[in-house]
Amino acid sequence: MNRFEELIEFKSPNTIERKEILKKYAETSPIEFVNISWDLVSQKTSNWSGRELKDKIIKNSIHHAVLLDKDKITMEEIDLMLQRASILLDEPSYFS
C-alpha cells in the first residue's frame, strides 16, 4: 500500500476560526491594523483557508501599506484586498 492512497479531508475554518486567524496574523504584523471589523472580514471570506487569509488579506495589506508609505492599515486596505481577491477568483484559470 502506498502512503498516499489514503484521502485526508481538510475543512475550511468557520467564521469564528477565520476571525481568530486574521486577528492572530494582524497582531504579529510590522504595521498596525486599526479599526478593522474582523467579524465582517471573516464573513466575507467563507471557505477560505488560513493560508488564503494570510496571503490574500494580511500580507497583501502590508505590502500595499508599505508601497504607499502608510504607518497603519485600515478597513480601506482590507476592502481593497477583498475586492482584488474576488476579481482573481472570477478570472478563468488556465488549469480549469
Protein backbone atom coordinates (compact mmCIF):
# COMPACT_ATOMS: atom_id res chain seq x y z
CA MET A 1 0.00 0.00 0.00
CA ASN A 2 1.28 3.41 -0.98
CA ARG A 3 1.35 6.04 1.76
CA PHE A 4 -0.55 8.49 -0.49
CA GLU A 5 -3.54 6.25 -1.15
CA GLU A 6 -5.47 7.48 1.86
CA LEU A 7 -7.51 10.64 1.35
CA ILE A 8 -7.46 13.19 4.12
CA GLU A 9 -10.12 15.87 4.11
CA PHE A 10 -9.29 19.31 5.44
CA LYS A 11 -12.21 21.51 6.37
CA SER A 12 -12.14 25.25 5.90
CA PRO A 13 -12.22 27.26 9.12
CA ASN A 14 -15.62 28.54 10.22
CA THR A 15 -16.40 32.24 10.71
CA ILE A 16 -15.13 32.35 14.29
CA GLU A 17 -11.95 30.47 13.40
CA ARG A 18 -11.30 32.77 10.42
CA LYS A 19 -11.71 35.81 12.67
CA GLU A 20 -9.19 34.42 15.15
CA ILE A 21 -6.72 33.53 12.37
CA LEU A 22 -6.93 37.04 10.93
CA LYS A 23 -6.51 38.67 14.34
CA LYS A 24 -3.52 36.49 15.18
CA TYR A 25 -1.70 37.35 11.95
CA ALA A 26 -2.57 41.03 12.35
CA GLU A 27 -1.09 41.05 15.87
CA THR A 28 2.29 39.94 14.53
CA SER A 29 2.29 42.42 11.65
CA PRO A 30 5.08 45.00 11.41
CA ILE A 31 2.38 47.58 10.55
CA GLU A 32 -0.52 48.10 12.94
CA PHE A 33 -4.05 47.15 11.86
CA VAL A 34 -6.54 49.71 13.24
CA ASN A 35 -10.33 49.92 13.26
CA ILE A 36 -10.76 46.63 11.42
CA SER A 37 -14.10 44.82 11.53
CA TRP A 38 -12.73 41.29 11.77
CA ASP A 39 -16.30 39.98 12.04
CA LEU A 40 -17.15 41.50 8.66
CA VAL A 41 -13.92 40.27 7.05
CA SER A 42 -14.44 36.73 8.35
CA GLN A 43 -18.00 36.74 6.97
CA LYS A 44 -16.78 37.85 3.55
CA THR A 45 -14.15 35.11 3.37
CA SER A 46 -16.21 31.96 3.76
CA ASN A 47 -14.44 28.80 2.58
CA TRP A 48 -11.03 30.49 2.68
CA SER A 49 -8.18 28.59 4.28
CA GLY A 50 -5.88 30.08 6.90
CA ARG A 51 -3.19 30.31 4.23
CA GLU A 52 -5.50 32.26 1.90
CA LEU A 53 -6.43 34.65 4.72
CA LYS A 54 -2.78 35.28 5.48
CA ASP A 55 -1.66 35.70 1.88
CA LYS A 56 -4.62 37.48 0.31
CA ILE A 57 -5.64 39.75 3.19
CA ILE A 58 -2.83 40.22 5.71
CA LYS A 59 0.30 40.05 3.53
CA ASN A 60 -1.21 41.98 0.63
CA SER A 61 -2.47 44.69 3.00
CA ILE A 62 1.00 45.03 4.48
CA HIS A 63 2.61 45.23 1.03
CA HIS A 64 0.07 47.84 -0.06
CA ALA A 65 0.70 49.93 3.06
CA VAL A 66 4.47 49.74 2.56
CA LEU A 67 4.17 50.83 -1.06
CA LEU A 68 2.10 53.85 -0.01
CA ASP A 69 4.36 54.58 2.98
CA LYS A 70 1.48 54.16 5.45
CA ASP A 71 2.08 53.52 9.13
CA LYS A 72 -1.33 51.91 9.76
CA ILE A 73 -3.62 49.52 7.91
CA THR A 74 -7.32 50.36 7.97
CA MET A 75 -10.52 48.81 6.69
CA GLU A 76 -9.92 50.69 3.43
CA GLU A 77 -6.90 48.49 2.65
CA ILE A 78 -8.74 45.35 3.74
CA ASP A 79 -11.69 46.18 1.46
CA LEU A 80 -9.30 46.74 -1.43
CA MET A 81 -7.66 43.36 -0.82
CA LEU A 82 -11.07 41.66 -0.68
CA GLN A 83 -12.00 43.29 -4.00
CA ARG A 84 -8.75 42.20 -5.61
CA ALA A 85 -9.18 38.66 -4.32
CA SER A 86 -12.72 38.44 -5.66
CA ILE A 87 -11.57 39.67 -9.09
CA LEU A 88 -8.89 36.98 -9.15
CA LEU A 89 -11.43 34.33 -8.16
CA ASP A 90 -13.72 35.40 -11.01
CA GLU A 91 -11.00 35.20 -13.68
CA PRO A 92 -10.83 31.99 -15.69
CA SER A 93 -7.97 29.73 -14.78
CA TYR A 94 -5.60 28.15 -17.29
CA PHE A 95 -5.88 24.95 -15.30
CA SER A 96 -9.66 24.59 -15.19
